[in-house]
PDB file of N, CA and C in Angstrom:
ATOM      1  N   UNK A   1      48.130  80.582  13.007  1.00  0.00           N
ATOM      2  CA  UNK A   1      49.496  80.625  13.485  1.00  0.00           C
ATOM      3  C   UNK A   1      50.410  80.140  12.362  1.00  0.00           C
ATOM      4  N   UNK A   2      51.516  80.805  12.183  1.00  0.00           N
ATOM      5  CA  UNK A   2      52.482  80.456  11.155  1.00  0.00           C
ATOM      6  C   UNK A   2      53.100  79.101  11.479  1.00  0.00           C
ATOM      7  N   UNK A   3      53.370  78.301  10.458  1.00  0.00           N
ATOM      8  CA  UNK A   3      53.910  76.954  10.696  1.00  0.00           C
ATOM      9  C   UNK A   3      55.316  77.014  11.297  1.00  0.00           C
ATOM     10  N   UNK A   4      56.120  78.041  10.936  1.00  0.00           N
ATOM     11  CA  UNK A   4      57.455  78.176  11.536  1.00  0.00           C
ATOM     12  C   UNK A   4      57.353  78.478  13.032  1.00  0.00           C
ATOM     13  N   UNK A   5      56.455  79.372  13.389  1.00  0.00           N
ATOM     14  CA  UNK A   5      56.269  79.724  14.797  1.00  0.00           C
ATOM     15  C   UNK A   5      55.747  78.518  15.563  1.00  0.00           C
ATOM     16  N   UNK A   6      54.824  77.805  14.947  1.00  0.00           N
ATOM     17  CA  UNK A   6      54.264  76.622  15.596  1.00  0.00           C
ATOM     18  C   UNK A   6      55.335  75.553  15.794  1.00  0.00           C
ATOM     19  N   UNK A   7      56.219  75.389  14.833  1.00  0.00           N
ATOM     20  CA  UNK A   7      57.295  74.405  14.954  1.00  0.00           C
ATOM     21  C   UNK A   7      58.278  74.808  16.048  1.00  0.00           C
ATOM     22  N   UNK A   8      58.616  76.104  16.122  1.00  0.00           N
ATOM     23  CA  UNK A   8      59.532  76.569  17.166  1.00  0.00           C
ATOM     24  C   UNK A   8      58.897  76.417  18.548  1.00  0.00           C
ATOM     25  N   UNK A   9      57.618  76.783  18.646  1.00  0.00           N
ATOM     26  CA  UNK A   9      56.917  76.650  19.919  1.00  0.00           C
ATOM     27  C   UNK A   9      56.828  75.185  20.340  1.00  0.00           C
ATOM     28  N   UNK A  10      56.567  74.320  19.399  1.00  0.00           N
ATOM     29  CA  UNK A  10      56.510  72.884  19.694  1.00  0.00           C
ATOM     30  C   UNK A  10      57.877  72.376  20.129  1.00  0.00           C
ATOM     31  N   UNK A  11      58.930  72.876  19.502  1.00  0.00           N
ATOM     32  CA  UNK A  11      60.281  72.471  19.884  1.00  0.00           C
ATOM     33  C   UNK A  11      60.647  72.945  21.276  1.00  0.00           C
ATOM     34  N   UNK A  12      60.255  74.175  21.615  1.00  0.00           N
ATOM     35  CA  UNK A  12      60.556  74.715  22.941  1.00  0.00           C
ATOM     36  C   UNK A  12      59.788  73.948  24.012  1.00  0.00           C
ATOM     37  N   UNK A  13      58.502  73.706  23.782  1.00  0.00           N
ATOM     38  CA  UNK A  13      57.694  73.004  24.774  1.00  0.00           C
ATOM     39  C   UNK A  13      58.040  71.520  24.847  1.00  0.00           C
ATOM     40  N   UNK A  14      58.726  71.006  23.835  1.00  0.00           N
ATOM     41  CA  UNK A  14      59.153  69.614  23.868  1.00  0.00           C
ATOM     42  C   UNK A  14      60.419  69.417  24.681  1.00  0.00           C
ATOM     43  N   UNK A  15      61.097  70.510  25.022  1.00  0.00           N
ATOM     44  CA  UNK A  15      62.331  70.428  25.793  1.00  0.00           C
ATOM     45  C   UNK A  15      62.010  70.036  27.235  1.00  0.00           C
ATOM     46  N   UNK A  16      62.739  69.071  27.764  1.00  0.00           N
ATOM     47  CA  UNK A  16      62.482  68.567  29.117  1.00  0.00           C
ATOM     48  C   UNK A  16      62.772  69.630  30.177  1.00  0.00           C
ATOM     49  N   UNK A  17      63.754  70.475  29.939  1.00  0.00           N
ATOM     50  CA  UNK A  17      64.069  71.529  30.897  1.00  0.00           C
ATOM     51  C   UNK A  17      62.931  72.523  31.036  1.00  0.00           C
ATOM     52  N   UNK A  18      62.313  72.879  29.930  1.00  0.00           N
ATOM     53  CA  UNK A  18      61.180  73.805  29.964  1.00  0.00           C
ATOM     54  C   UNK A  18      60.003  73.154  30.677  1.00  0.00           C
ATOM     55  N   UNK A  19      59.767  71.884  30.408  1.00  0.00           N
ATOM     56  CA  UNK A  19      58.668  71.175  31.075  1.00  0.00           C
ATOM     57  C   UNK A  19      58.886  71.131  32.584  1.00  0.00           C
ATOM     58  N   UNK A  20      60.105  70.825  32.993  1.00  0.00           N
ATOM     59  CA  UNK A  20      60.407  70.767  34.429  1.00  0.00           C
ATOM     60  C   UNK A  20      60.271  72.143  35.073  1.00  0.00           C
ATOM     61  N   UNK A  21      60.734  73.177  34.387  1.00  0.00           N
ATOM     62  CA  UNK A  21      60.629  74.537  34.917  1.00  0.00           C
ATOM     63  C   UNK A  21      59.172  74.952  35.069  1.00  0.00           C
ATOM     64  N   UNK A  22      58.356  74.664  34.070  1.00  0.00           N
ATOM     65  CA  UNK A  22      56.935  75.005  34.155  1.00  0.00           C
ATOM     66  C   UNK A  22      56.238  74.220  35.264  1.00  0.00           C
ATOM     67  N   UNK A  23      56.595  72.956  35.422  1.00  0.00           N
ATOM     68  CA  UNK A  23      55.999  72.144  36.491  1.00  0.00           C
ATOM     69  C   UNK A  23      56.391  72.690  37.859  1.00  0.00           C
ATOM     70  N   UNK A  24      57.656  73.046  38.017  1.00  0.00           N
ATOM     71  CA  UNK A  24      58.126  73.598  39.291  1.00  0.00           C
ATOM     72  C   UNK A  24      57.448  74.932  39.585  1.00  0.00           C
ATOM     73  N   UNK A  25      57.377  75.798  38.580  1.00  0.00           N
ATOM     74  CA  UNK A  25      56.748  77.110  38.771  1.00  0.00           C
ATOM     75  C   UNK A  25      55.266  76.956  39.116  1.00  0.00           C
ATOM     76  N   UNK A  26      54.593  76.026  38.483  1.00  0.00           N
ATOM     77  CA  UNK A  26      53.182  75.782  38.790  1.00  0.00           C
ATOM     78  C   UNK A  26      52.982  75.276  40.200  1.00  0.00           C
ATOM     79  N   UNK A  27      53.874  74.391  40.645  1.00  0.00           N
ATOM     80  CA  UNK A  27      53.788  73.863  42.006  1.00  0.00           C
ATOM     81  C   UNK A  27      54.023  74.962  43.032  1.00  0.00           C
ATOM     82  N   UNK A  28      55.022  75.792  42.797  1.00  0.00           N
ATOM     83  CA  UNK A  28      55.317  76.894  43.720  1.00  0.00           C
ATOM     84  C   UNK A  28      54.151  77.880  43.764  1.00  0.00           C
ATOM     85  N   UNK A  29      53.579  78.192  42.612  1.00  0.00           N
ATOM     86  CA  UNK A  29      52.453  79.130  42.575  1.00  0.00           C
ATOM     87  C   UNK A  29      51.242  78.566  43.314  1.00  0.00           C
ATOM     88  N   UNK A  30      50.966  77.282  43.137  1.00  0.00           N
ATOM     89  CA  UNK A  30      49.832  76.666  43.841  1.00  0.00           C
ATOM     90  C   UNK A  30      50.080  76.645  45.347  1.00  0.00           C
ATOM     91  N   UNK A  31      51.299  76.316  45.761  1.00  0.00           N
ATOM     92  CA  UNK A  31      51.629  76.310  47.186  1.00  0.00           C
ATOM     93  C   UNK A  31      51.523  77.694  47.793  1.00  0.00           C
ATOM     94  N   UNK A  32      51.980  78.698  47.057  1.00  0.00           N
ATOM     95  CA  UNK A  32      51.897  80.069  47.563  1.00  0.00           C
ATOM     96  C   UNK A  32      50.444  80.515  47.682  1.00  0.00           C
ATOM     97  N   UNK A  33      49.616  80.107  46.740  1.00  0.00           N
ATOM     98  CA  UNK A  33      48.201  80.474  46.809  1.00  0.00           C
ATOM     99  C   UNK A  33      47.521  79.845  48.017  1.00  0.00           C
ATOM    100  N   UNK A  34      47.993  78.683  48.424  1.00  0.00           N
ATOM    101  CA  UNK A  34      47.409  78.000  49.580  1.00  0.00           C
ATOM    102  C   UNK A  34      47.905  78.613  50.880  1.00  0.00           C
ATOM    103  N   UNK A  35      49.194  78.947  50.964  1.00  0.00           N
ATOM    104  CA  UNK A  35      49.821  79.286  52.239  1.00  0.00           C
ATOM    105  C   UNK A  35      49.855  80.779  52.544  1.00  0.00           C
ATOM    106  N   UNK A  36      49.964  81.638  51.559  1.00  0.00           N
ATOM    107  CA  UNK A  36      50.125  83.074  51.827  1.00  0.00           C
ATOM    108  C   UNK A  36      48.851  83.616  52.480  1.00  0.00           C
ATOM    109  N   UNK A  37      48.967  84.147  53.701  1.00  0.00           N
ATOM    110  CA  UNK A  37      47.777  84.598  54.431  1.00  0.00           C
ATOM    111  C   UNK A  37      47.307  85.976  53.978  1.00  0.00           C
ATOM    112  N   UNK A  38      46.044  86.246  54.243  1.00  0.00           N
ATOM    113  CA  UNK A  38      45.496  87.571  53.937  1.00  0.00           C
ATOM    114  C   UNK A  38      45.849  88.535  55.071  1.00  0.00           C
ATOM    115  N   UNK A  39      45.579  89.804  54.846  1.00  0.00           N
ATOM    116  CA  UNK A  39      45.864  90.808  55.869  1.00  0.00           C
ATOM    117  C   UNK A  39      45.064  90.587  57.145  1.00  0.00           C
ATOM    118  N   UNK A  40      43.811  90.170  56.996  1.00  0.00           N
ATOM    119  CA  UNK A  40      42.982  89.914  58.180  1.00  0.00           C
ATOM    120  C   UNK A  40      43.525  88.736  58.985  1.00  0.00           C
ATOM    121  N   UNK A  41      44.026  87.724  58.287  1.00  0.00           N
ATOM    122  CA  UNK A  41      44.589  86.570  58.989  1.00  0.00           C
ATOM    123  C   UNK A  41      45.862  86.953  59.733  1.00  0.00           C
ATOM    124  N   UNK A  42      46.693  87.799  59.125  1.00  0.00           N
ATOM    125  CA  UNK A  42      47.914  88.268  59.793  1.00  0.00           C
ATOM    126  C   UNK A  42      47.544  89.112  61.006  1.00  0.00           C
ATOM    127  N   UNK A  43      46.540  89.963  60.854  1.00  0.00           N
ATOM    128  CA  UNK A  43      46.119  90.795  61.982  1.00  0.00           C
ATOM    129  C   UNK A  43      45.583  89.932  63.122  1.00  0.00           C
ATOM    130  N   UNK A  44      44.801  88.930  62.787  1.00  0.00           N
ATOM    131  CA  UNK A  44      44.269  88.029  63.814  1.00  0.00           C
ATOM    132  C   UNK A  44      45.391  87.294  64.539  1.00  0.00           C
ATOM    133  N   UNK A  45      46.371  86.816  63.778  1.00  0.00           N
ATOM    134  CA  UNK A  45      47.496  86.102  64.395  1.00  0.00           C
ATOM    135  C   UNK A  45      48.322  87.038  65.269  1.00  0.00           C
ATOM    136  N   UNK A  46      48.547  88.271  64.818  1.00  0.00           N
ATOM    137  CA  UNK A  46      49.347  89.200  65.628  1.00  0.00           C
ATOM    138  C   UNK A  46      48.616  89.575  66.914  1.00  0.00           C
ATOM    139  N   UNK A  47      47.301  89.709  66.845  1.00  0.00           N
ATOM    140  CA  UNK A  47      46.539  90.003  68.060  1.00  0.00           C
ATOM    141  C   UNK A  47      46.551  88.814  69.012  1.00  0.00           C
ATOM    142  N   UNK A  48      46.487  87.600  68.468  1.00  0.00           N
ATOM    143  CA  UNK A  48      46.528  86.403  69.315  1.00  0.00           C
ATOM    144  C   UNK A  48      47.880  86.241  69.990  1.00  0.00           C
ATOM    145  N   UNK A  49      48.949  86.449  69.225  1.00  0.00           N
ATOM    146  CA  UNK A  49      50.289  86.178  69.745  1.00  0.00           C
ATOM    147  C   UNK A  49      50.812  87.333  70.598  1.00  0.00           C
ATOM    148  N   UNK A  50      50.727  88.556  70.060  1.00  0.00           N
ATOM    149  CA  UNK A  50      51.360  89.698  70.714  1.00  0.00           C
ATOM    150  C   UNK A  50      50.374  90.666  71.363  1.00  0.00           C
ATOM    151  N   UNK A  51      49.100  90.563  71.037  1.00  0.00           N
ATOM    152  CA  UNK A  51      48.118  91.474  71.605  1.00  0.00           C
ATOM    153  C   UNK A  51      48.134  92.856  70.985  1.00  0.00           C
ATOM    154  N   UNK A  52      48.794  93.003  69.833  1.00  0.00           N
ATOM    155  CA  UNK A  52      48.875  94.292  69.141  1.00  0.00           C
ATOM    156  C   UNK A  52      48.614  94.074  67.659  1.00  0.00           C
ATOM    157  N   UNK A  53      48.112  95.096  66.964  1.00  0.00           N
ATOM    158  CA  UNK A  53      47.933  94.964  65.518  1.00  0.00           C
ATOM    159  C   UNK A  53      49.291  94.939  64.807  1.00  0.00           C
ATOM    160  N   UNK A  54      49.335  94.456  63.579  1.00  0.00           N
ATOM    161  CA  UNK A  54      50.616  94.336  62.863  1.00  0.00           C
ATOM    162  C   UNK A  54      51.352  95.658  62.678  1.00  0.00           C
ATOM    163  N   UNK A  55      50.626  96.767  62.631  1.00  0.00           N
ATOM    164  CA  UNK A  55      51.288  98.064  62.432  1.00  0.00           C
ATOM    165  C   UNK A  55      52.142  98.462  63.633  1.00  0.00           C
ATOM    166  N   UNK A  56      51.903  97.884  64.797  1.00  0.00           N
ATOM    167  CA  UNK A  56      52.657  98.224  65.999  1.00  0.00           C
ATOM    168  C   UNK A  56      53.734  97.197  66.329  1.00  0.00           C
ATOM    169  N   UNK A  57      53.944  96.230  65.466  1.00  0.00           N
ATOM    170  CA  UNK A  57      54.918  95.174  65.740  1.00  0.00           C
ATOM    171  C   UNK A  57      56.279  95.510  65.161  1.00  0.00           C
ATOM    172  N   UNK A  58      57.305  94.960  65.774  1.00  0.00           N
ATOM    173  CA  UNK A  58      58.648  95.036  65.209  1.00  0.00           C
ATOM    174  C   UNK A  58      58.714  94.124  63.996  1.00  0.00           C
ATOM    175  N   UNK A  59      59.708  94.312  63.118  1.00  0.00           N
ATOM    176  CA  UNK A  59      59.767  93.487  61.902  1.00  0.00           C
ATOM    177  C   UNK A  59      59.794  91.978  62.176  1.00  0.00           C
ATOM    178  N   UNK A  60      60.577  91.549  63.160  1.00  0.00           N
ATOM    179  CA  UNK A  60      60.623  90.114  63.456  1.00  0.00           C
ATOM    180  C   UNK A  60      59.294  89.612  64.007  1.00  0.00           C
ATOM    181  N   UNK A  61      58.635  90.435  64.809  1.00  0.00           N
ATOM    182  CA  UNK A  61      57.333  90.045  65.342  1.00  0.00           C
ATOM    183  C   UNK A  61      56.302  89.942  64.224  1.00  0.00           C
ATOM    184  N   UNK A  62      56.370  90.868  63.263  1.00  0.00           N
ATOM    185  CA  UNK A  62      55.438  90.815  62.128  1.00  0.00           C
ATOM    186  C   UNK A  62      55.666  89.558  61.301  1.00  0.00           C
ATOM    187  N   UNK A  63      56.933  89.220  61.064  1.00  0.00           N
ATOM    188  CA  UNK A  63      57.225  87.993  60.313  1.00  0.00           C
ATOM    189  C   UNK A  63      56.719  86.768  61.060  1.00  0.00           C
ATOM    190  N   UNK A  64      56.843  86.796  62.387  1.00  0.00           N
ATOM    191  CA  UNK A  64      56.330  85.690  63.198  1.00  0.00           C
ATOM    192  C   UNK A  64      54.818  85.575  63.047  1.00  0.00           C
ATOM    193  N   UNK A  65      54.126  86.703  63.085  1.00  0.00           N
ATOM    194  CA  UNK A  65      52.670  86.691  62.925  1.00  0.00           C
ATOM    195  C   UNK A  65      52.279  86.209  61.529  1.00  0.00           C
ATOM    196  N   UNK A  66      53.034  86.640  60.510  1.00  0.00           N
ATOM    197  CA  UNK A  66      52.747  86.187  59.148  1.00  0.00           C
ATOM    198  C   UNK A  66      52.968  84.688  59.015  1.00  0.00           C
ATOM    199  N   UNK A  67      54.048  84.194  59.611  1.00  0.00           N
ATOM    200  CA  UNK A  67      54.313  82.760  59.559  1.00  0.00           C
ATOM    201  C   UNK A  67      53.216  81.981  60.280  1.00  0.00           C
ATOM    202  N   UNK A  68      52.809  82.468  61.451  1.00  0.00           N
ATOM    203  CA  UNK A  68      51.758  81.782  62.211  1.00  0.00           C
ATOM    204  C   UNK A  68      50.449  81.759  61.424  1.00  0.00           C
ATOM    205  N   UNK A  69      50.123  82.868  60.772  1.00  0.00           N
ATOM    206  CA  UNK A  69      48.896  82.915  59.970  1.00  0.00           C
ATOM    207  C   UNK A  69      48.992  81.962  58.782  1.00  0.00           C
ATOM    208  N   UNK A  70      50.158  81.907  58.136  1.00  0.00           N
ATOM    209  CA  UNK A  70      50.347  80.967  57.033  1.00  0.00           C
ATOM    210  C   UNK A  70      50.269  79.526  57.492  1.00  0.00           C
ATOM    211  N   UNK A  71      50.819  79.257  58.672  1.00  0.00           N
ATOM    212  CA  UNK A  71      50.764  77.896  59.213  1.00  0.00           C
ATOM    213  C   UNK A  71      49.324  77.492  59.520  1.00  0.00           C
ATOM    214  N   UNK A  72      48.558  78.412  60.094  1.00  0.00           N
ATOM    215  CA  UNK A  72      47.141  78.130  60.351  1.00  0.00           C
ATOM    216  C   UNK A  72      46.400  77.849  59.049  1.00  0.00           C
ATOM    217  N   UNK A  73      46.728  78.636  58.027  1.00  0.00           N
ATOM    218  CA  UNK A  73      46.074  78.451  56.732  1.00  0.00           C
ATOM    219  C   UNK A  73      46.418  77.095  56.143  1.00  0.00           C
ATOM    220  N   UNK A  74      47.684  76.692  56.257  1.00  0.00           N
ATOM    221  CA  UNK A  74      48.113  75.394  55.749  1.00  0.00           C
ATOM    222  C   UNK A  74      47.418  74.269  56.507  1.00  0.00           C
ATOM    223  N   UNK A  75      47.384  74.379  57.844  1.00  0.00           N
ATOM    224  CA  UNK A  75      46.722  73.346  58.640  1.00  0.00           C
ATOM    225  C   UNK A  75      45.244  73.246  58.277  1.00  0.00           C
ATOM    226  N   UNK A  76      44.599  74.365  58.076  1.00  0.00           N
ATOM    227  CA  UNK A  76      43.196  74.359  57.671  1.00  0.00           C
ATOM    228  C   UNK A  76      43.005  73.703  56.320  1.00  0.00           C
ATOM    229  N   UNK A  77      43.911  73.984  55.387  1.00  0.00           N
ATOM    230  CA  UNK A  77      43.830  73.361  54.069  1.00  0.00           C
ATOM    231  C   UNK A  77      43.979  71.853  54.170  1.00  0.00           C
ATOM    232  N   UNK A  78      44.958  71.401  54.946  1.00  0.00           N
ATOM    233  CA  UNK A  78      45.184  69.959  55.080  1.00  0.00           C
ATOM    234  C   UNK A  78      43.989  69.295  55.747  1.00  0.00           C
ATOM    235  N   UNK A  79      43.488  69.885  56.827  1.00  0.00           N
ATOM    236  CA  UNK A  79      42.359  69.277  57.549  1.00  0.00           C
ATOM    237  C   UNK A  79      41.093  69.254  56.699  1.00  0.00           C
ATOM    238  N   UNK A  80      40.820  70.326  55.976  1.00  0.00           N
ATOM    239  CA  UNK A  80      39.559  70.429  55.240  1.00  0.00           C
ATOM    240  C   UNK A  80      39.610  69.823  53.848  1.00  0.00           C
ATOM    241  N   UNK A  81      40.743  69.916  53.172  1.00  0.00           N
ATOM    242  CA  UNK A  81      40.795  69.490  51.779  1.00  0.00           C
ATOM    243  C   UNK A  81      41.491  68.158  51.564  1.00  0.00           C
ATOM    244  N   UNK A  82      42.467  67.846  52.353  1.00  0.00           N
ATOM    245  CA  UNK A  82      43.231  66.621  52.110  1.00  0.00           C
ATOM    246  C   UNK A  82      42.838  65.526  53.081  1.00  0.00           C
ATOM    247  N   UNK A  83      42.839  65.830  54.363  1.00  0.00           N
ATOM    248  CA  UNK A  83      42.588  64.801  55.367  1.00  0.00           C
ATOM    249  C   UNK A  83      41.205  64.179  55.202  1.00  0.00           C
ATOM    250  N   UNK A  84      40.208  64.975  54.818  1.00  0.00           N
ATOM    251  CA  UNK A  84      38.844  64.462  54.724  1.00  0.00           C
ATOM    252  C   UNK A  84      38.729  63.353  53.683  1.00  0.00           C
ATOM    253  N   UNK A  85      39.352  63.512  52.514  1.00  0.00           N
ATOM    254  CA  UNK A  85      39.215  62.449  51.519  1.00  0.00           C
ATOM    255  C   UNK A  85      40.193  61.312  51.747  1.00  0.00           C
ATOM    256  N   UNK A  86      41.278  61.526  52.492  1.00  0.00           N
ATOM    257  CA  UNK A  86      42.163  60.389  52.773  1.00  0.00           C
ATOM    258  C   UNK A  86      41.507  59.421  53.746  1.00  0.00           C
ATOM    259  N   UNK A  87      40.519  59.878  54.503  1.00  0.00           N
ATOM    260  CA  UNK A  87      39.808  58.994  55.434  1.00  0.00           C
ATOM    261  C   UNK A  87      38.926  58.003  54.691  1.00  0.00           C
ATOM    262  N   UNK A  88      38.668  58.232  53.407  1.00  0.00           N
ATOM    263  CA  UNK A  88      37.832  57.317  52.637  1.00  0.00           C
ATOM    264  C   UNK A  88      38.650  56.258  51.917  1.00  0.00           C
ATOM    265  N   UNK A  89      39.965  56.358  51.952  1.00  0.00           N
ATOM    266  CA  UNK A  89      40.806  55.391  51.253  1.00  0.00           C
ATOM    267  C   UNK A  89      40.938  54.114  52.070  1.00  0.00           C
ATOM    268  N   UNK A  90      41.140  52.967  51.394  1.00  0.00           N
ATOM    269  CA  UNK A  90      41.333  51.731  52.149  1.00  0.00           C
ATOM    270  C   UNK A  90      42.621  51.788  52.959  1.00  0.00           C
ATOM    271  N   UNK A  91      42.570  51.283  54.168  1.00  0.00           N
ATOM    272  CA  UNK A  91      43.745  51.256  55.021  1.00  0.00           C
ATOM    273  C   UNK A  91      44.034  52.561  55.714  1.00  0.00           C
ATOM    274  N   UNK A  92      43.078  53.485  55.728  1.00  0.00           N
ATOM    275  CA  UNK A  92      43.330  54.806  56.316  1.00  0.00           C
ATOM    276  C   UNK A  92      43.577  54.732  57.813  1.00  0.00           C
ATOM    277  N   UNK A  93      43.069  53.699  58.469  1.00  0.00           N
ATOM    278  CA  UNK A  93      43.250  53.619  59.914  1.00  0.00           C
ATOM    279  C   UNK A  93      44.430  52.743  60.311  1.00  0.00           C
ATOM    280  N   UNK A  94      45.234  52.357  59.335  1.00  0.00           N
ATOM    281  CA  UNK A  94      46.412  51.549  59.611  1.00  0.00           C
ATOM    282  C   UNK A  94      47.490  52.448  60.210  1.00  0.00           C
ATOM    283  N   UNK A  95      48.011  52.125  61.393  1.00  0.00           N
ATOM    284  CA  UNK A  95      49.010  53.009  62.014  1.00  0.00           C
ATOM    285  C   UNK A  95      50.321  53.086  61.243  1.00  0.00           C
ATOM    286  N   UNK A  96      50.596  52.124  60.376  1.00  0.00           N
ATOM    287  CA  UNK A  96      51.813  52.200  59.561  1.00  0.00           C
ATOM    288  C   UNK A  96      51.617  53.217  58.446  1.00  0.00           C
ATOM    289  N   UNK A  97      50.438  53.235  57.843  1.00  0.00           N
ATOM    290  CA  UNK A  97      50.147  54.170  56.762  1.00  0.00           C
ATOM    291  C   UNK A  97      50.013  55.593  57.294  1.00  0.00           C
ATOM    292  N   UNK A  98      49.321  55.748  58.410  1.00  0.00           N
ATOM    293  CA  UNK A  98      49.063  57.073  58.960  1.00  0.00           C
ATOM    294  C   UNK A  98      49.272  57.028  60.470  1.00  0.00           C
ATOM    295  N   UNK A  99      50.508  57.162  60.933  1.00  0.00           N
ATOM    296  CA  UNK A  99      50.779  56.980  62.360  1.00  0.00           C
ATOM    297  C   UNK A  99      50.194  58.065  63.251  1.00  0.00           C
ATOM    298  N   UNK A 100      49.825  59.211  62.685  1.00  0.00           N
ATOM    299  CA  UNK A 100      49.349  60.308  63.512  1.00  0.00           C
ATOM    300  C   UNK A 100      47.839  60.304  63.687  1.00  0.00           C
ATOM    301  N   UNK A 101      47.101  59.832  62.702  1.00  0.00           N
ATOM    302  CA  UNK A 101      45.653  59.916  62.755  1.00  0.00           C
ATOM    303  C   UNK A 101      44.983  58.546  62.823  1.00  0.00           C
ATOM    304  N   UNK A 102      45.752  57.483  62.904  1.00  0.00           N
ATOM    305  CA  UNK A 102      45.186  56.142  62.943  1.00  0.00           C
ATOM    306  C   UNK A 102      44.598  55.823  64.300  1.00  0.00           C
ATOM    307  N   UNK A 103      44.297  54.558  64.538  1.00  0.00           N
ATOM    308  CA  UNK A 103      43.735  54.199  65.841  1.00  0.00           C
ATOM    309  C   UNK A 103      44.736  54.484  66.948  1.00  0.00           C
ATOM    310  N   UNK A 104      44.215  54.757  68.098  1.00  0.00           N
ATOM    311  CA  UNK A 104      45.095  55.085  69.221  1.00  0.00           C
ATOM    312  C   UNK A 104      45.902  53.869  69.626  1.00  0.00           C
ATOM    313  N   UNK A 105      47.119  54.134  70.001  1.00  0.00           N
ATOM    314  CA  UNK A 105      47.984  53.049  70.464  1.00  0.00           C
ATOM    315  C   UNK A 105      47.541  52.625  71.858  1.00  0.00           C
ATOM    316  N   UNK A 106      47.753  51.368  72.197  1.00  0.00           N
ATOM    317  CA  UNK A 106      47.374  50.934  73.549  1.00  0.00           C
ATOM    318  C   UNK A 106      48.178  51.697  74.594  1.00  0.00           C
ATOM    319  N   UNK A 107      47.554  51.892  75.742  1.00  0.00           N
ATOM    320  CA  UNK A 107      48.228  52.634  76.796  1.00  0.00           C
ATOM    321  C   UNK A 107      49.405  51.834  77.328  1.00  0.00           C
ATOM    322  N   UNK A 108      50.410  52.562  77.713  1.00  0.00           N
ATOM    323  CA  UNK A 108      51.577  51.912  78.311  1.00  0.00           C
ATOM    324  C   UNK A 108      51.247  51.483  79.737  1.00  0.00           C
ATOM    325  N   UNK A 109      51.927  50.468  80.243  1.00  0.00           N
ATOM    326  CA  UNK A 109      51.646  50.005  81.607  1.00  0.00           C
ATOM    327  C   UNK A 109      51.786  51.107  82.646  1.00  0.00           C
ATOM    328  N   UNK A 110      52.723  52.036  82.459  1.00  0.00           N
ATOM    329  CA  UNK A 110      52.913  53.120  83.424  1.00  0.00           C
ATOM    330  C   UNK A 110      51.651  53.978  83.517  1.00  0.00           C
ATOM    331  N   UNK A 111      51.037  54.262  82.378  1.00  0.00           N
ATOM    332  CA  UNK A 111      49.820  55.062  82.393  1.00  0.00           C
ATOM    333  C   UNK A 111      48.697  54.321  83.114  1.00  0.00           C
ATOM    334  N   UNK A 112      48.568  53.022  82.854  1.00  0.00           N
ATOM    335  CA  UNK A 112      47.530  52.232  83.514  1.00  0.00           C
ATOM    336  C   UNK A 112      47.768  52.202  85.023  1.00  0.00           C
ATOM    337  N   UNK A 113      49.028  52.062  85.418  1.00  0.00           N
ATOM    338  CA  UNK A 113      49.358  52.027  86.841  1.00  0.00           C
ATOM    339  C   UNK A 113      48.988  53.347  87.513  1.00  0.00           C
ATOM    340  N   UNK A 114      49.310  54.464  86.857  1.00  0.00           N
ATOM    341  CA  UNK A 114      48.968  55.770  87.418  1.00  0.00           C
ATOM    342  C   UNK A 114      47.457  55.938  87.542  1.00  0.00           C
ATOM    343  N   UNK A 115      46.714  55.457  86.540  1.00  0.00           N
ATOM    344  CA  UNK A 115      45.256  55.562  86.600  1.00  0.00           C
ATOM    345  C   UNK A 115      44.692  54.711  87.733  1.00  0.00           C
ATOM    346  N   UNK A 116      45.259  53.531  87.937  1.00  0.00           N
ATOM    347  CA  UNK A 116      44.801  52.670  89.027  1.00  0.00           C
ATOM    348  C   UNK A 116      45.086  53.310  90.387  1.00  0.00           C
ATOM    349  N   UNK A 117      46.247  53.943  90.521  1.00  0.00           N
ATOM    350  CA  UNK A 117      46.590  54.614  91.777  1.00  0.00           C
ATOM    351  C   UNK A 117      45.625  55.771  92.035  1.00  0.00           C
ATOM    352  N   UNK A 118      45.325  56.546  90.989  1.00  0.00           N
ATOM    353  CA  UNK A 118      44.383  57.654  91.142  1.00  0.00           C
ATOM    354  C   UNK A 118      42.993  57.146  91.510  1.00  0.00           C
ATOM    355  N   UNK A 119      42.559  56.057  90.873  1.00  0.00           N
ATOM    356  CA  UNK A 119      41.242  55.494  91.172  1.00  0.00           C
ATOM    357  C   UNK A 119      41.185  54.991  92.612  1.00  0.00           C
ATOM    358  N   UNK A 120      42.263  54.362  93.077  1.00  0.00           N
ATOM    359  CA  UNK A 120      42.301  53.868  94.453  1.00  0.00           C
ATOM    360  C   UNK A 120      42.284  55.028  95.443  1.00  0.00           C
ATOM    361  N   UNK A 121      42.968  56.110  95.098  1.00  0.00           N
ATOM    362  CA  UNK A 121      42.991  57.274  95.984  1.00  0.00           C
ATOM    363  C   UNK A 121      41.608  57.915  96.081  1.00  0.00           C
ATOM    364  N   UNK A 122      40.865  57.894  94.990  1.00  0.00           N
ATOM    365  CA  UNK A 122      39.521  58.466  95.004  1.00  0.00           C
ATOM    366  C   UNK A 122      38.558  57.613  95.820  1.00  0.00           C
ATOM    367  N   UNK A 123      38.779  56.296  95.814  1.00  0.00           N
ATOM    368  CA  UNK A 123      37.885  55.397  96.549  1.00  0.00           C
ATOM    369  C   UNK A 123      38.074  55.532  98.052  1.00  0.00           C
ATOM    370  N   UNK A 124      39.256  55.892  98.483  1.00  0.00           N
ATOM    371  CA  UNK A 124      39.536  55.989  99.929  1.00  0.00           C
ATOM    372  C   UNK A 124      38.996  57.211 100.562  1.00  0.00           C
TER     373      UNK A 124
END
């Protein structure tokens, strides 16, 4: 490689704007690779939601099926790739760190009262 070309390339890649643009583009590309569903996934979602294949759907219905398939794909990625290793980190069961997947919160008194009433009704 010519030293002038190498110096120009080094100068361009040293620019913070170029670095930020490349980082953003890489993040978007990785996210799209994770979320964009395949044709079979879209067909499965359209059959589940509307009971028809994607070729028979209206444009808004097709977009809905595509979104649902992408959402399923994202949820699967999070459950299989991210959630599994976060369970090995210290403090993973702390409800402040992870309020959705941590230990269950104690039942409210109203729930306990309803359960006691149901149990009493069954005993009678």
